Amino acid sequence: MIELEDTYKHKGLRKQLVSEIQQKGITDQAVLKAISSIPRHFFFDKIFDSHAYEDKAFPIDSGQTISQPYTVAFQSQLLNVKPGDKILEIGTGSGYQACVLVEMGAKVYTIEYQKALYQKAIRFLPKLGYQPHMYSGDGSRGMARFAPYDGIIVTAGAPTVPEELIQQLKIGGRLVIPVGNNDIQSMVLIEKTDENKIKKKQFDNFSFVPLRGAKGWTD
């Protein structure tokens, strides 16, 4: 059993991290509260504990990363999550983003392409008290069997916006997806305003690992 200890020092570092991402423009109180509540150091090997509350991405297994806290907060804020919303996350990774969404009151479905990461997350997240619906497979086409969703969040860089993801949104739903090349992507927000109508906005550039699967980048 992993020993999970959340000390006063950890809580203090988390408070500083929340203040830092606020200064960078995160205003959604539910997002800030979630970041403040979740011990991010639990997602790190103990020897890397000191890196957990720095506002930067960090390598995890299978050539993936745990996203920068600001990036997690920025995507979560764009989603505009309300308690009870059904959210699809494409790219479980460490599971940290899924925990943020659960903490915000969402009903979370999350799918991971890398089998090893899925197996780790499905064992680990319940130990923290988080139980999103976790699946293994190609999420680049979404997950139609549980659609429609109030929101879809993609945590890997896509070459284009998969049409299937827009189709799986409820009217009024939001898709947040980084789109670009393998090095840098623009954060894209798509709002589905009618069955065949969308509104699209682009935001700052970010750098994500590549989205894998039929609608992502090939290996």
C-alpha atoms as a PDB file:
ATOM      1  CA  MET A   1       0.000   0.000   0.000  1.00  0.00           C
ATOM      2  CA  ILE A   2       1.368   3.423  -0.951  1.00  0.00           C
ATOM      3  CA  GLU A   3       1.822   5.696   2.033  1.00  0.00           C
ATOM      4  CA  LEU A   4      -0.079   8.899   1.306  1.00  0.00           C
ATOM      5  CA  GLU A   5       0.722  11.796   3.583  1.00  0.00           C
ATOM      6  CA  ASP A   6      -0.527  15.343   3.077  1.00  0.00           C
ATOM      7  CA  THR A   7       1.438  17.532   5.476  1.00  0.00           C
ATOM      8  CA  TYR A   8       1.030  21.185   6.469  1.00  0.00           C
ATOM      9  CA  LYS A   9       4.003  21.903   4.215  1.00  0.00           C
ATOM     10  CA  HIS A  10       2.229  20.295   1.236  1.00  0.00           C
ATOM     11  CA  LYS A  11      -0.936  22.268   1.983  1.00  0.00           C
ATOM     12  CA  GLY A  12       1.077  25.484   2.192  1.00  0.00           C
ATOM     13  CA  LEU A  13       2.753  24.773  -1.152  1.00  0.00           C
ATOM     14  CA  ARG A  14      -0.663  24.071  -2.677  1.00  0.00           C
ATOM     15  CA  LYS A  15      -1.936  27.407  -1.403  1.00  0.00           C
ATOM     16  CA  GLN A  16       1.032  29.132  -3.071  1.00  0.00           C
ATOM     17  CA  LEU A  17       0.341  27.268  -6.323  1.00  0.00           C
ATOM     18  CA  VAL A  18      -3.306  28.386  -6.283  1.00  0.00           C
ATOM     19  CA  SER A  19      -2.175  31.983  -5.746  1.00  0.00           C
ATOM     20  CA  GLU A  20       0.258  31.657  -8.675  1.00  0.00           C
ATOM     21  CA  ILE A  21      -2.369  30.386 -11.127  1.00  0.00           C
ATOM     22  CA  GLN A  22      -4.796  33.072  -9.939  1.00  0.00           C
ATOM     23  CA  GLN A  23      -2.184  35.681 -10.834  1.00  0.00           C
ATOM     24  CA  LYS A  24      -1.976  34.079 -14.302  1.00  0.00           C
ATOM     25  CA  GLY A  25      -5.700  34.663 -14.856  1.00  0.00           C
ATOM     26  CA  ILE A  26      -7.638  31.717 -13.413  1.00  0.00           C
ATOM     27  CA  THR A  27     -10.796  33.102 -11.796  1.00  0.00           C
ATOM     28  CA  ASP A  28     -13.196  30.119 -11.639  1.00  0.00           C
ATOM     29  CA  GLN A  29     -13.603  29.485  -7.906  1.00  0.00           C
ATOM     30  CA  ALA A  30     -14.572  25.834  -8.408  1.00  0.00           C
ATOM     31  CA  VAL A  31     -11.338  25.242 -10.348  1.00  0.00           C
ATOM     32  CA  LEU A  32      -9.227  26.996  -7.712  1.00  0.00           C
ATOM     33  CA  LYS A  33     -10.920  25.064  -4.918  1.00  0.00           C
ATOM     34  CA  ALA A  34     -10.297  21.747  -6.704  1.00  0.00           C
ATOM     35  CA  ILE A  35      -6.589  22.526  -7.249  1.00  0.00           C
ATOM     36  CA  SER A  36      -6.388  23.544  -3.595  1.00  0.00           C
ATOM     37  CA  SER A  37      -8.030  20.304  -2.427  1.00  0.00           C
ATOM     38  CA  ILE A  38      -6.104  17.662  -4.389  1.00  0.00           C
ATOM     39  CA  PRO A  39      -2.657  16.605  -3.128  1.00  0.00           C
ATOM     40  CA  ARG A  40      -0.759  16.774  -6.425  1.00  0.00           C
ATOM     41  CA  HIS A  41       2.335  15.240  -4.815  1.00  0.00           C
ATOM     42  CA  PHE A  42       0.428  11.935  -4.555  1.00  0.00           C
ATOM     43  CA  PHE A  43       0.837  11.661  -8.340  1.00  0.00           C
ATOM     44  CA  PHE A  44       4.642  11.872  -8.079  1.00  0.00           C
ATOM     45  CA  ASP A  45       7.269   9.407  -6.933  1.00  0.00           C
ATOM     46  CA  LYS A  46       8.395  10.470  -3.457  1.00  0.00           C
ATOM     47  CA  ILE A  47      11.868  11.465  -4.681  1.00  0.00           C
ATOM     48  CA  PHE A  48      10.257  14.067  -6.979  1.00  0.00           C
ATOM     49  CA  ASP A  49       7.979  15.422  -4.245  1.00  0.00           C
ATOM     50  CA  SER A  50       9.550  18.873  -4.405  1.00  0.00           C
ATOM     51  CA  HIS A  51       8.423  19.315  -8.033  1.00  0.00           C
ATOM     52  CA  ALA A  52       4.736  18.635  -7.369  1.00  0.00           C
ATOM     53  CA  TYR A  53       3.731  22.231  -6.608  1.00  0.00           C
ATOM     54  CA  GLU A  54       5.815  23.947  -9.261  1.00  0.00           C
ATOM     55  CA  ASP A  55       3.699  25.287 -12.102  1.00  0.00           C
ATOM     56  CA  LYS A  56       5.190  23.031 -14.748  1.00  0.00           C
ATOM     57  CA  ALA A  57       4.541  19.737 -16.497  1.00  0.00           C
ATOM     58  CA  PHE A  58       6.427  16.666 -15.315  1.00  0.00           C
ATOM     59  CA  PRO A  59       7.214  13.311 -16.974  1.00  0.00           C
ATOM     60  CA  ILE A  60       5.234  10.211 -15.959  1.00  0.00           C
ATOM     61  CA  ASP A  61       5.206   6.660 -17.364  1.00  0.00           C
ATOM     62  CA  SER A  62       4.812   5.668 -21.038  1.00  0.00           C
ATOM     63  CA  GLY A  63       6.427   8.843 -22.378  1.00  0.00           C
ATOM     64  CA  GLN A  64       3.556  11.008 -21.107  1.00  0.00           C
ATOM     65  CA  THR A  65       3.412  13.968 -18.708  1.00  0.00           C
ATOM     66  CA  ILE A  66       1.293  15.243 -15.852  1.00  0.00           C
ATOM     67  CA  SER A  67       0.130  18.599 -17.197  1.00  0.00           C
ATOM     68  CA  GLN A  68       1.217  21.951 -15.822  1.00  0.00           C
ATOM     69  CA  PRO A  69      -1.277  23.023 -13.096  1.00  0.00           C
ATOM     70  CA  TYR A  70      -2.046  26.259 -14.975  1.00  0.00           C
ATOM     71  CA  THR A  71      -2.893  24.223 -18.097  1.00  0.00           C
ATOM     72  CA  VAL A  72      -5.194  21.920 -16.088  1.00  0.00           C
ATOM     73  CA  ALA A  73      -6.872  24.975 -14.561  1.00  0.00           C
ATOM     74  CA  PHE A  74      -7.144  26.799 -17.909  1.00  0.00           C
ATOM     75  CA  GLN A  75      -8.809  23.839 -19.656  1.00  0.00           C
ATOM     76  CA  SER A  76     -11.112  23.229 -16.682  1.00  0.00           C
ATOM     77  CA  GLN A  77     -12.130  26.901 -16.607  1.00  0.00           C
ATOM     78  CA  LEU A  78     -12.927  26.871 -20.348  1.00  0.00           C
ATOM     79  CA  LEU A  79     -15.184  23.844 -19.822  1.00  0.00           C
ATOM     80  CA  ASN A  80     -17.365  25.896 -17.434  1.00  0.00           C
ATOM     81  CA  VAL A  81     -18.250  22.785 -15.402  1.00  0.00           C
ATOM     82  CA  LYS A  82     -21.439  22.741 -13.351  1.00  0.00           C
ATOM     83  CA  PRO A  83     -22.129  20.124 -10.639  1.00  0.00           C
ATOM     84  CA  GLY A  84     -23.726  17.070 -12.239  1.00  0.00           C
ATOM     85  CA  ASP A  85     -22.330  17.753 -15.729  1.00  0.00           C
ATOM     86  CA  LYS A  86     -21.336  14.686 -17.713  1.00  0.00           C
ATOM     87  CA  ILE A  87     -17.755  15.221 -18.890  1.00  0.00           C
ATOM     88  CA  LEU A  88     -15.641  13.063 -21.211  1.00  0.00           C
ATOM     89  CA  GLU A  89     -11.878  13.315 -20.737  1.00  0.00           C
ATOM     90  CA  ILE A  90      -9.703  11.985 -23.556  1.00  0.00           C
ATOM     91  CA  GLY A  91      -6.298  11.084 -22.123  1.00  0.00           C
ATOM     92  CA  THR A  92      -6.480  10.005 -18.478  1.00  0.00           C
ATOM     93  CA  GLY A  93      -2.696  10.149 -18.048  1.00  0.00           C
ATOM     94  CA  SER A  94      -1.870  10.343 -14.341  1.00  0.00           C
ATOM     95  CA  GLY A  95      -5.538  10.877 -13.483  1.00  0.00           C
ATOM     96  CA  TYR A  96      -4.960  14.313 -11.967  1.00  0.00           C
ATOM     97  CA  GLN A  97      -7.196  16.202 -14.420  1.00  0.00           C
ATOM     98  CA  ALA A  98      -9.986  13.647 -13.899  1.00  0.00           C
ATOM     99  CA  CYS A  99      -9.730  14.204 -10.135  1.00  0.00           C
ATOM    100  CA  VAL A 100     -10.027  17.980 -10.635  1.00  0.00           C
ATOM    101  CA  LEU A 101     -13.227  17.468 -12.651  1.00  0.00           C
ATOM    102  CA  VAL A 102     -14.663  15.053 -10.070  1.00  0.00           C
ATOM    103  CA  GLU A 103     -13.808  17.536  -7.318  1.00  0.00           C
ATOM    104  CA  MET A 104     -15.787  20.154  -9.284  1.00  0.00           C
ATOM    105  CA  GLY A 105     -18.861  17.911  -9.124  1.00  0.00           C
ATOM    106  CA  ALA A 106     -18.746  16.453 -12.643  1.00  0.00           C
ATOM    107  CA  LYS A 107     -19.694  12.921 -13.600  1.00  0.00           C
ATOM    108  CA  VAL A 108     -16.463  11.986 -15.362  1.00  0.00           C
ATOM    109  CA  TYR A 109     -15.817   9.427 -18.087  1.00  0.00           C
ATOM    110  CA  THR A 110     -12.137   9.166 -18.947  1.00  0.00           C
ATOM    111  CA  ILE A 111     -10.328   7.076 -21.553  1.00  0.00           C
ATOM    112  CA  GLU A 112      -6.603   6.351 -21.871  1.00  0.00           C
ATOM    113  CA  TYR A 113      -4.764   5.069 -24.949  1.00  0.00           C
ATOM    114  CA  GLN A 114      -1.723   3.770 -23.043  1.00  0.00           C
ATOM    115  CA  LYS A 115      -2.690   0.526 -21.292  1.00  0.00           C
ATOM    116  CA  ALA A 116      -0.035   0.869 -18.560  1.00  0.00           C
ATOM    117  CA  LEU A 117      -1.328   4.327 -17.558  1.00  0.00           C
ATOM    118  CA  TYR A 118      -4.929   3.099 -17.521  1.00  0.00           C
ATOM    119  CA  GLN A 119      -4.004   0.174 -15.273  1.00  0.00           C
ATOM    120  CA  LYS A 120      -2.129   2.469 -12.898  1.00  0.00           C
ATOM    121  CA  ALA A 121      -4.960   5.015 -12.723  1.00  0.00           C
ATOM    122  CA  ILE A 122      -7.701   2.442 -12.147  1.00  0.00           C
ATOM    123  CA  ARG A 123      -5.782   1.072  -9.159  1.00  0.00           C
ATOM    124  CA  PHE A 124      -4.607   4.403  -7.782  1.00  0.00           C
ATOM    125  CA  LEU A 125      -7.448   6.943  -8.031  1.00  0.00           C
ATOM    126  CA  PRO A 126      -9.880   5.016  -5.789  1.00  0.00           C
ATOM    127  CA  LYS A 127      -7.191   5.088  -3.051  1.00  0.00           C
ATOM    128  CA  LEU A 128      -7.505   8.886  -3.150  1.00  0.00           C
ATOM    129  CA  GLY A 129     -11.293   8.684  -2.951  1.00  0.00           C
ATOM    130  CA  TYR A 130     -11.912   9.501  -6.629  1.00  0.00           C
ATOM    131  CA  GLN A 131     -13.882   7.125  -8.825  1.00  0.00           C
ATOM    132  CA  PRO A 132     -14.354   8.478 -12.338  1.00  0.00           C
ATOM    133  CA  HIS A 133     -15.541   5.961 -14.942  1.00  0.00           C
ATOM    134  CA  MET A 134     -12.212   4.807 -16.426  1.00  0.00           C
ATOM    135  CA  TYR A 135     -11.703   3.053 -19.762  1.00  0.00           C
ATOM    136  CA  SER A 136      -8.806   1.846 -21.879  1.00  0.00           C
ATOM    137  CA  GLY A 137      -8.767   2.416 -25.642  1.00  0.00           C
ATOM    138  CA  ASP A 138      -8.708   4.911 -28.499  1.00  0.00           C
ATOM    139  CA  GLY A 139     -10.409   8.077 -27.303  1.00  0.00           C
ATOM    140  CA  SER A 140      -9.620  10.109 -30.422  1.00  0.00           C
ATOM    141  CA  ARG A 141     -13.125   9.287 -31.708  1.00  0.00           C
ATOM    142  CA  GLY A 142     -14.671  10.029 -28.317  1.00  0.00           C
ATOM    143  CA  MET A 143     -16.852   7.494 -26.529  1.00  0.00           C
ATOM    144  CA  ALA A 144     -20.216   7.409 -28.279  1.00  0.00           C
ATOM    145  CA  ARG A 145     -21.846   4.860 -25.972  1.00  0.00           C
ATOM    146  CA  PHE A 146     -22.153   7.399 -23.132  1.00  0.00           C
ATOM    147  CA  ALA A 147     -22.883  10.472 -25.292  1.00  0.00           C
ATOM    148  CA  PRO A 148     -24.123  13.149 -25.324  1.00  0.00           C
ATOM    149  CA  TYR A 149     -21.799  15.039 -22.974  1.00  0.00           C
ATOM    150  CA  ASP A 150     -22.014  18.470 -21.380  1.00  0.00           C
ATOM    151  CA  GLY A 151     -18.297  18.834 -21.977  1.00  0.00           C
ATOM    152  CA  ILE A 152     -15.360  17.068 -23.605  1.00  0.00           C
ATOM    153  CA  ILE A 153     -11.752  17.785 -22.667  1.00  0.00           C
ATOM    154  CA  VAL A 154      -8.799  16.506 -24.672  1.00  0.00           C
ATOM    155  CA  THR A 155      -5.482  16.416 -22.810  1.00  0.00           C
ATOM    156  CA  ALA A 156      -3.220  15.677 -25.789  1.00  0.00           C
ATOM    157  CA  GLY A 157      -2.382  17.663 -28.916  1.00  0.00           C
ATOM    158  CA  ALA A 158      -4.558  16.817 -31.937  1.00  0.00           C
ATOM    159  CA  PRO A 159      -3.780  17.510 -35.616  1.00  0.00           C
ATOM    160  CA  THR A 160      -7.416  18.574 -36.223  1.00  0.00           C
ATOM    161  CA  VAL A 161     -10.722  18.646 -34.323  1.00  0.00           C
ATOM    162  CA  PRO A 162     -12.365  15.196 -34.702  1.00  0.00           C
ATOM    163  CA  GLU A 163     -15.925  15.637 -35.985  1.00  0.00           C
ATOM    164  CA  GLU A 164     -17.055  12.745 -33.776  1.00  0.00           C
ATOM    165  CA  LEU A 165     -16.330  14.813 -30.669  1.00  0.00           C
ATOM    166  CA  ILE A 166     -18.606  17.631 -31.794  1.00  0.00           C
ATOM    167  CA  GLN A 167     -21.337  15.104 -32.590  1.00  0.00           C
ATOM    168  CA  GLN A 168     -21.080  13.694 -29.060  1.00  0.00           C
ATOM    169  CA  LEU A 169     -21.706  17.073 -27.401  1.00  0.00           C
ATOM    170  CA  LYS A 170     -25.107  18.118 -26.097  1.00  0.00           C
ATOM    171  CA  ILE A 171     -26.487  21.350 -27.532  1.00  0.00           C
ATOM    172  CA  GLY A 172     -24.894  23.963 -25.293  1.00  0.00           C
ATOM    173  CA  GLY A 173     -21.960  21.636 -24.626  1.00  0.00           C
ATOM    174  CA  ARG A 174     -18.288  22.599 -24.821  1.00  0.00           C
ATOM    175  CA  LEU A 175     -15.248  20.906 -26.309  1.00  0.00           C
ATOM    176  CA  VAL A 176     -11.775  22.007 -25.176  1.00  0.00           C
ATOM    177  CA  ILE A 177      -8.977  20.637 -27.350  1.00  0.00           C
ATOM    178  CA  PRO A 178      -5.370  21.624 -28.155  1.00  0.00           C
ATOM    179  CA  VAL A 179      -4.874  21.630 -31.951  1.00  0.00           C
ATOM    180  CA  GLY A 180      -1.616  22.031 -33.838  1.00  0.00           C
ATOM    181  CA  ASN A 181       1.578  20.137 -34.576  1.00  0.00           C
ATOM    182  CA  ASN A 182       3.620  17.807 -32.363  1.00  0.00           C
ATOM    183  CA  ASP A 183       5.416  20.699 -30.661  1.00  0.00           C
ATOM    184  CA  ILE A 184       2.881  23.453 -30.087  1.00  0.00           C
ATOM    185  CA  GLN A 185      -0.895  23.749 -30.182  1.00  0.00           C
ATOM    186  CA  SER A 186      -3.548  26.440 -29.850  1.00  0.00           C
ATOM    187  CA  MET A 187      -6.209  25.784 -27.237  1.00  0.00           C
ATOM    188  CA  VAL A 188      -9.533  25.616 -29.066  1.00  0.00           C
ATOM    189  CA  LEU A 189     -12.938  26.020 -27.432  1.00  0.00           C
ATOM    190  CA  ILE A 190     -15.939  24.824 -29.427  1.00  0.00           C
ATOM    191  CA  GLU A 191     -19.478  25.499 -28.203  1.00  0.00           C
ATOM    192  CA  LYS A 192     -22.294  23.555 -29.842  1.00  0.00           C
ATOM    193  CA  THR A 193     -25.063  26.127 -30.268  1.00  0.00           C
ATOM    194  CA  ASP A 194     -27.427  23.966 -32.362  1.00  0.00           C
ATOM    195  CA  GLU A 195     -27.443  20.486 -33.876  1.00  0.00           C
ATOM    196  CA  ASN A 196     -25.404  21.701 -36.845  1.00  0.00           C
ATOM    197  CA  LYS A 197     -23.930  24.955 -35.523  1.00  0.00           C
ATOM    198  CA  ILE A 198     -20.853  25.697 -33.466  1.00  0.00           C
ATOM    199  CA  LYS A 199     -18.980  28.712 -32.114  1.00  0.00           C
ATOM    200  CA  LYS A 200     -15.209  28.462 -32.075  1.00  0.00           C
ATOM    201  CA  LYS A 201     -12.576  30.429 -30.129  1.00  0.00           C
ATOM    202  CA  GLN A 202      -8.808  30.037 -30.036  1.00  0.00           C
ATOM    203  CA  PHE A 203      -6.596  30.855 -27.091  1.00  0.00           C
ATOM    204  CA  ASP A 204      -2.919  30.853 -26.175  1.00  0.00           C
ATOM    205  CA  ASN A 205      -0.439  28.277 -27.366  1.00  0.00           C
ATOM    206  CA  PHE A 206       0.348  25.263 -25.214  1.00  0.00           C
ATOM    207  CA  SER A 207       2.525  22.177 -25.606  1.00  0.00           C
ATOM    208  CA  PHE A 208       0.939  18.749 -25.093  1.00  0.00           C
ATOM    209  CA  VAL A 209       2.063  15.213 -25.849  1.00  0.00           C
ATOM    210  CA  PRO A 210       0.533  13.987 -29.149  1.00  0.00           C
ATOM    211  CA  LEU A 211      -2.990  12.561 -29.265  1.00  0.00           C
ATOM    212  CA  ARG A 212      -2.769   8.902 -30.316  1.00  0.00           C
ATOM    213  CA  GLY A 213      -5.396   6.918 -32.177  1.00  0.00           C
ATOM    214  CA  ALA A 214      -7.392   6.924 -35.396  1.00  0.00           C
ATOM    215  CA  LYS A 215      -8.045  10.690 -35.279  1.00  0.00           C
ATOM    216  CA  GLY A 216      -4.720  11.604 -33.720  1.00  0.00           C
ATOM    217  CA  TRP A 217      -1.089  11.168 -34.675  1.00  0.00           C
ATOM    218  CA  THR A 218       0.163   7.784 -35.781  1.00  0.00           C
ATOM    219  CA  ASP A 219       3.034   6.198 -33.831  1.00  0.00           C
END
